[in-house]
């Protein structure tokens, strides 16, 4: 059976949970260009030393 007090409490809780999400805007917005640049820098920073370590470790004599 429909209970108006329960439904009003549910609507109030739903409103309180969704209203801040509507009011906020993203603080950090990253596009595809920035993402590719970040991946490239991380690959150069960590990939080359790891590659050298791997080759030195698994050297065939």
PDB file of N, CA and C in Angstrom:
ATOM      1  N   UNK A   1       0.838  -1.170   0.000  1.00  0.00           N
ATOM      2  CA  UNK A   1       0.000   0.000   0.000  1.00  0.00           C
ATOM      3  C   UNK A   1       0.890   1.244   0.000  1.00  0.00           C
ATOM      4  N   UNK A   2       0.434   2.266  -0.638  1.00  0.00           N
ATOM      5  CA  UNK A   2       1.180   3.513  -0.760  1.00  0.00           C
ATOM      6  C   UNK A   2       1.175   4.271   0.556  1.00  0.00           C
ATOM      7  N   UNK A   3       2.357   4.592   1.038  1.00  0.00           N
ATOM      8  CA  UNK A   3       2.494   5.358   2.267  1.00  0.00           C
ATOM      9  C   UNK A   3       3.196   6.658   1.904  1.00  0.00           C
ATOM     10  N   UNK A   4       2.519   7.777   2.084  1.00  0.00           N
ATOM     11  CA  UNK A   4       3.083   9.048   1.633  1.00  0.00           C
ATOM     12  C   UNK A   4       4.291   9.462   2.464  1.00  0.00           C
ATOM     13  N   UNK A   5       4.328   9.112   3.750  1.00  0.00           N
ATOM     14  CA  UNK A   5       5.478   9.482   4.570  1.00  0.00           C
ATOM     15  C   UNK A   5       6.737   8.743   4.128  1.00  0.00           C
ATOM     16  N   UNK A   6       6.606   7.467   3.828  1.00  0.00           N
ATOM     17  CA  UNK A   6       7.746   6.676   3.379  1.00  0.00           C
ATOM     18  C   UNK A   6       8.227   7.161   2.017  1.00  0.00           C
ATOM     19  N   UNK A   7       7.277   7.456   1.127  1.00  0.00           N
ATOM     20  CA  UNK A   7       7.641   7.914  -0.206  1.00  0.00           C
ATOM     21  C   UNK A   7       8.305   9.286  -0.145  1.00  0.00           C
ATOM     22  N   UNK A   8       7.841  10.161   0.716  1.00  0.00           N
ATOM     23  CA  UNK A   8       8.461  11.474   0.845  1.00  0.00           C
ATOM     24  C   UNK A   8       9.869  11.356   1.412  1.00  0.00           C
ATOM     25  N   UNK A   9      10.079  10.457   2.356  1.00  0.00           N
ATOM     26  CA  UNK A   9      11.415  10.253   2.908  1.00  0.00           C
ATOM     27  C   UNK A   9      12.344   9.678   1.838  1.00  0.00           C
ATOM     28  N   UNK A  10      11.826   8.779   1.026  1.00  0.00           N
ATOM     29  CA  UNK A  10      12.620   8.206  -0.054  1.00  0.00           C
ATOM     30  C   UNK A  10      12.999   9.270  -1.076  1.00  0.00           C
ATOM     31  N   UNK A  11      12.053  10.104  -1.436  1.00  0.00           N
ATOM     32  CA  UNK A  11      12.334  11.167  -2.401  1.00  0.00           C
ATOM     33  C   UNK A  11      13.335  12.173  -1.849  1.00  0.00           C
ATOM     34  N   UNK A  12      13.213  12.482  -0.559  1.00  0.00           N
ATOM     35  CA  UNK A  12      14.149  13.411   0.060  1.00  0.00           C
ATOM     36  C   UNK A  12      15.561  12.821   0.069  1.00  0.00           C
ATOM     37  N   UNK A  13      15.681  11.546   0.405  1.00  0.00           N
ATOM     38  CA  UNK A  13      16.987  10.893   0.413  1.00  0.00           C
ATOM     39  C   UNK A  13      17.562  10.857  -1.004  1.00  0.00           C
ATOM     40  N   UNK A  14      16.738  10.544  -1.983  1.00  0.00           N
ATOM     41  CA  UNK A  14      17.186  10.518  -3.367  1.00  0.00           C
ATOM     42  C   UNK A  14      17.631  11.900  -3.831  1.00  0.00           C
ATOM     43  N   UNK A  15      16.889  12.912  -3.458  1.00  0.00           N
ATOM     44  CA  UNK A  15      17.242  14.278  -3.820  1.00  0.00           C
ATOM     45  C   UNK A  15      18.563  14.695  -3.170  1.00  0.00           C
ATOM     46  N   UNK A  16      18.742  14.341  -1.904  1.00  0.00           N
ATOM     47  CA  UNK A  16      19.973  14.704  -1.206  1.00  0.00           C
ATOM     48  C   UNK A  16      21.195  13.982  -1.781  1.00  0.00           C
ATOM     49  N   UNK A  17      20.999  12.804  -2.331  1.00  0.00           N
ATOM     50  CA  UNK A  17      22.112  12.062  -2.923  1.00  0.00           C
ATOM     51  C   UNK A  17      22.443  12.532  -4.339  1.00  0.00           C
ATOM     52  N   UNK A  18      21.449  12.954  -5.094  1.00  0.00           N
ATOM     53  CA  UNK A  18      21.691  13.312  -6.490  1.00  0.00           C
ATOM     54  C   UNK A  18      21.970  14.796  -6.704  1.00  0.00           C
ATOM     55  N   UNK A  19      21.521  15.645  -5.843  1.00  0.00           N
ATOM     56  CA  UNK A  19      21.710  17.076  -6.038  1.00  0.00           C
ATOM     57  C   UNK A  19      23.177  17.497  -6.045  1.00  0.00           C
ATOM     58  N   UNK A  20      24.022  17.004  -5.140  1.00  0.00           N
ATOM     59  CA  UNK A  20      25.436  17.384  -5.227  1.00  0.00           C
ATOM     60  C   UNK A  20      26.117  16.900  -6.511  1.00  0.00           C
ATOM     61  N   UNK A  21      25.689  15.770  -7.040  1.00  0.00           N
ATOM     62  CA  UNK A  21      26.274  15.277  -8.278  1.00  0.00           C
ATOM     63  C   UNK A  21      25.935  16.187  -9.455  1.00  0.00           C
ATOM     64  N   UNK A  22      24.765  16.794  -9.422  1.00  0.00           N
ATOM     65  CA  UNK A  22      24.378  17.703 -10.492  1.00  0.00           C
ATOM     66  C   UNK A  22      25.079  19.050 -10.375  1.00  0.00           C
ATOM     67  N   UNK A  23      25.397  19.454  -9.148  1.00  0.00           N
ATOM     68  CA  UNK A  23      25.987  20.764  -8.929  1.00  0.00           C
ATOM     69  C   UNK A  23      27.492  20.775  -9.178  1.00  0.00           C
ATOM     70  N   UNK A  24      28.145  19.639  -9.086  1.00  0.00           N
ATOM     71  CA  UNK A  24      29.601  19.596  -9.210  1.00  0.00           C
ATOM     72  C   UNK A  24      30.010  19.483 -10.668  1.00  0.00           C
ATOM     73  N   UNK A  25      31.112  20.097 -10.979  1.00  0.00           N
ATOM     74  CA  UNK A  25      31.695  19.935 -12.306  1.00  0.00           C
ATOM     75  C   UNK A  25      33.047  19.254 -12.143  1.00  0.00           C
ATOM     76  N   UNK A  26      33.529  18.577 -13.149  1.00  0.00           N
ATOM     77  CA  UNK A  26      34.795  17.862 -12.991  1.00  0.00           C
ATOM     78  C   UNK A  26      35.956  18.831 -12.765  1.00  0.00           C
ATOM     79  N   UNK A  27      36.820  18.461 -11.854  1.00  0.00           N
ATOM     80  CA  UNK A  27      37.971  19.297 -11.544  1.00  0.00           C
ATOM     81  C   UNK A  27      39.089  19.034 -12.546  1.00  0.00           C
ATOM     82  N   UNK A  28      39.240  17.796 -12.938  1.00  0.00           N
ATOM     83  CA  UNK A  28      40.307  17.415 -13.836  1.00  0.00           C
ATOM     84  C   UNK A  28      39.695  16.796 -15.092  1.00  0.00           C
ATOM     85  N   UNK A  29      39.931  17.421 -16.207  1.00  0.00           N
ATOM     86  CA  UNK A  29      39.412  16.905 -17.466  1.00  0.00           C
ATOM     87  C   UNK A  29      40.598  16.597 -18.379  1.00  0.00           C
ATOM     88  N   UNK A  30      40.722  15.344 -18.772  1.00  0.00           N
ATOM     89  CA  UNK A  30      41.835  14.907 -19.600  1.00  0.00           C
ATOM     90  C   UNK A  30      41.287  14.438 -20.941  1.00  0.00           C
ATOM     91  N   UNK A  31      41.851  14.965 -21.993  1.00  0.00           N
ATOM     92  CA  UNK A  31      41.462  14.551 -23.338  1.00  0.00           C
ATOM     93  C   UNK A  31      42.367  13.447 -23.844  1.00  0.00           C
ATOM     94  N   UNK A  32      42.092  13.014 -25.072  1.00  0.00           N
ATOM     95  CA  UNK A  32      42.871  11.919 -25.654  1.00  0.00           C
ATOM     96  C   UNK A  32      44.318  12.318 -25.868  1.00  0.00           C
ATOM     97  N   UNK A  33      44.561  13.574 -26.241  1.00  0.00           N
ATOM     98  CA  UNK A  33      45.929  14.020 -26.469  1.00  0.00           C
ATOM     99  C   UNK A  33      46.765  13.976 -25.209  1.00  0.00           C
ATOM    100  N   UNK A  34      46.200  14.459 -24.124  1.00  0.00           N
ATOM    101  CA  UNK A  34      46.924  14.434 -22.853  1.00  0.00           C
ATOM    102  C   UNK A  34      47.152  13.014 -22.370  1.00  0.00           C
ATOM    103  N   UNK A  35      46.159  12.162 -22.585  1.00  0.00           N
ATOM    104  CA  UNK A  35      46.282  10.771 -22.162  1.00  0.00           C
ATOM    105  C   UNK A  35      47.386  10.052 -22.942  1.00  0.00           C
ATOM    106  N   UNK A  36      47.461  10.294 -24.238  1.00  0.00           N
ATOM    107  CA  UNK A  36      48.522   9.686 -25.043  1.00  0.00           C
ATOM    108  C   UNK A  36      49.895  10.229 -24.653  1.00  0.00           C
ATOM    109  N   UNK A  37      49.969  11.521 -24.377  1.00  0.00           N
ATOM    110  CA  UNK A  37      51.233  12.107 -23.949  1.00  0.00           C
ATOM    111  C   UNK A  37      51.679  11.534 -22.612  1.00  0.00           C
ATOM    112  N   UNK A  38      50.762  11.380 -21.688  1.00  0.00           N
ATOM    113  CA  UNK A  38      51.083  10.806 -20.386  1.00  0.00           C
ATOM    114  C   UNK A  38      51.541   9.355 -20.524  1.00  0.00           C
ATOM    115  N   UNK A  39      50.860   8.586 -21.350  1.00  0.00           N
ATOM    116  CA  UNK A  39      51.271   7.194 -21.586  1.00  0.00           C
ATOM    117  C   UNK A  39      52.650   7.116 -22.227  1.00  0.00           C
ATOM    118  N   UNK A  40      52.932   8.002 -23.166  1.00  0.00           N
ATOM    119  CA  UNK A  40      54.247   8.017 -23.793  1.00  0.00           C
ATOM    120  C   UNK A  40      55.351   8.361 -22.806  1.00  0.00           C
ATOM    121  N   UNK A  41      55.106   9.345 -21.949  1.00  0.00           N
ATOM    122  CA  UNK A  41      56.102   9.707 -20.945  1.00  0.00           C
ATOM    123  C   UNK A  41      56.332   8.585 -19.947  1.00  0.00           C
ATOM    124  N   UNK A  42      55.254   7.937 -19.523  1.00  0.00           N
ATOM    125  CA  UNK A  42      55.407   6.820 -18.593  1.00  0.00           C
ATOM    126  C   UNK A  42      56.141   5.654 -19.240  1.00  0.00           C
ATOM    127  N   UNK A  43      55.881   5.432 -20.518  1.00  0.00           N
ATOM    128  CA  UNK A  43      56.575   4.358 -21.230  1.00  0.00           C
ATOM    129  C   UNK A  43      58.071   4.650 -21.326  1.00  0.00           C
ATOM    130  N   UNK A  44      58.419   5.890 -21.619  1.00  0.00           N
ATOM    131  CA  UNK A  44      59.837   6.243 -21.680  1.00  0.00           C
ATOM    132  C   UNK A  44      60.490   6.197 -20.307  1.00  0.00           C
ATOM    133  N   UNK A  45      59.772   6.652 -19.302  1.00  0.00           N
ATOM    134  CA  UNK A  45      60.342   6.730 -17.966  1.00  0.00           C
ATOM    135  C   UNK A  45      60.558   5.351 -17.354  1.00  0.00           C
ATOM    136  N   UNK A  46      59.587   4.467 -17.512  1.00  0.00           N
ATOM    137  CA  UNK A  46      59.676   3.147 -16.878  1.00  0.00           C
ATOM    138  C   UNK A  46      59.967   2.019 -17.861  1.00  0.00           C
ATOM    139  N   UNK A  47      59.581   2.177 -19.104  1.00  0.00           N
ATOM    140  CA  UNK A  47      59.726   1.100 -20.070  1.00  0.00           C
ATOM    141  C   UNK A  47      61.161   0.808 -20.451  1.00  0.00           C
ATOM    142  N   UNK A  48      61.932   1.849 -20.740  1.00  0.00           N
ATOM    143  CA  UNK A  48      63.320   1.624 -21.160  1.00  0.00           C
ATOM    144  C   UNK A  48      64.177   1.009 -20.064  1.00  0.00           C
ATOM    145  N   UNK A  49      64.136   1.510 -18.826  1.00  0.00           N
ATOM    146  CA  UNK A  49      64.923   0.829 -17.783  1.00  0.00           C
ATOM    147  C   UNK A  49      64.468  -0.605 -17.532  1.00  0.00           C
ATOM    148  N   UNK A  50      63.177  -0.850 -17.579  1.00  0.00           N
ATOM    149  CA  UNK A  50      62.690  -2.222 -17.392  1.00  0.00           C
ATOM    150  C   UNK A  50      63.120  -3.122 -18.542  1.00  0.00           C
ATOM    151  N   UNK A  51      63.117  -2.584 -19.760  1.00  0.00           N
ATOM    152  CA  UNK A  51      63.560  -3.353 -20.914  1.00  0.00           C
ATOM    153  C   UNK A  51      65.047  -3.728 -20.793  1.00  0.00           C
ATOM    154  N   UNK A  52      65.879  -2.758 -20.387  1.00  0.00           N
ATOM    155  CA  UNK A  52      67.308  -3.028 -20.198  1.00  0.00           C
ATOM    156  C   UNK A  52      67.530  -4.063 -19.106  1.00  0.00           C
ATOM    157  N   UNK A  53      66.792  -3.935 -18.014  1.00  0.00           N
ATOM    158  CA  UNK A  53      66.904  -4.898 -16.919  1.00  0.00           C
ATOM    159  C   UNK A  53      66.518  -6.289 -17.391  1.00  0.00           C
ATOM    160  N   UNK A  54      65.444  -6.397 -18.143  1.00  0.00           N
ATOM    161  CA  UNK A  54      64.966  -7.682 -18.653  1.00  0.00           C
ATOM    162  C   UNK A  54      65.998  -8.316 -19.594  1.00  0.00           C
ATOM    163  N   UNK A  55      66.568  -7.496 -20.488  1.00  0.00           N
ATOM    164  CA  UNK A  55      67.557  -8.025 -21.427  1.00  0.00           C
ATOM    165  C   UNK A  55      68.829  -8.473 -20.699  1.00  0.00           C
ATOM    166  N   UNK A  56      69.253  -7.708 -19.691  1.00  0.00           N
ATOM    167  CA  UNK A  56      70.449  -8.075 -18.942  1.00  0.00           C
ATOM    168  C   UNK A  56      70.199  -9.331 -18.127  1.00  0.00           C
ATOM    169  N   UNK A  57      69.026  -9.456 -17.587  1.00  0.00           N
ATOM    170  CA  UNK A  57      68.689 -10.584 -16.718  1.00  0.00           C
ATOM    171  C   UNK A  57      68.547 -11.883 -17.523  1.00  0.00           C
ATOM    172  N   UNK A  58      68.010 -11.788 -18.731  1.00  0.00           N
ATOM    173  CA  UNK A  58      67.744 -12.967 -19.540  1.00  0.00           C
ATOM    174  C   UNK A  58      68.699 -13.065 -20.729  1.00  0.00           C
ATOM    175  N   UNK A  59      69.921 -12.677 -20.520  1.00  0.00           N
ATOM    176  CA  UNK A  59      70.911 -12.735 -21.583  1.00  0.00           C
ATOM    177  C   UNK A  59      71.292 -14.187 -21.841  1.00  0.00           C
ATOM    178  N   UNK A  60      71.317 -14.558 -23.118  1.00  0.00           N
ATOM    179  CA  UNK A  60      71.708 -15.916 -23.488  1.00  0.00           C
ATOM    180  C   UNK A  60      73.202 -15.937 -23.757  1.00  0.00           C
ATOM    181  N   UNK A  61      73.883 -16.811 -23.070  1.00  0.00           N
ATOM    182  CA  UNK A  61      75.343 -16.910 -23.232  1.00  0.00           C
ATOM    183  C   UNK A  61      75.705 -17.919 -24.287  1.00  0.00           C
TER     184      UNK A  61
END
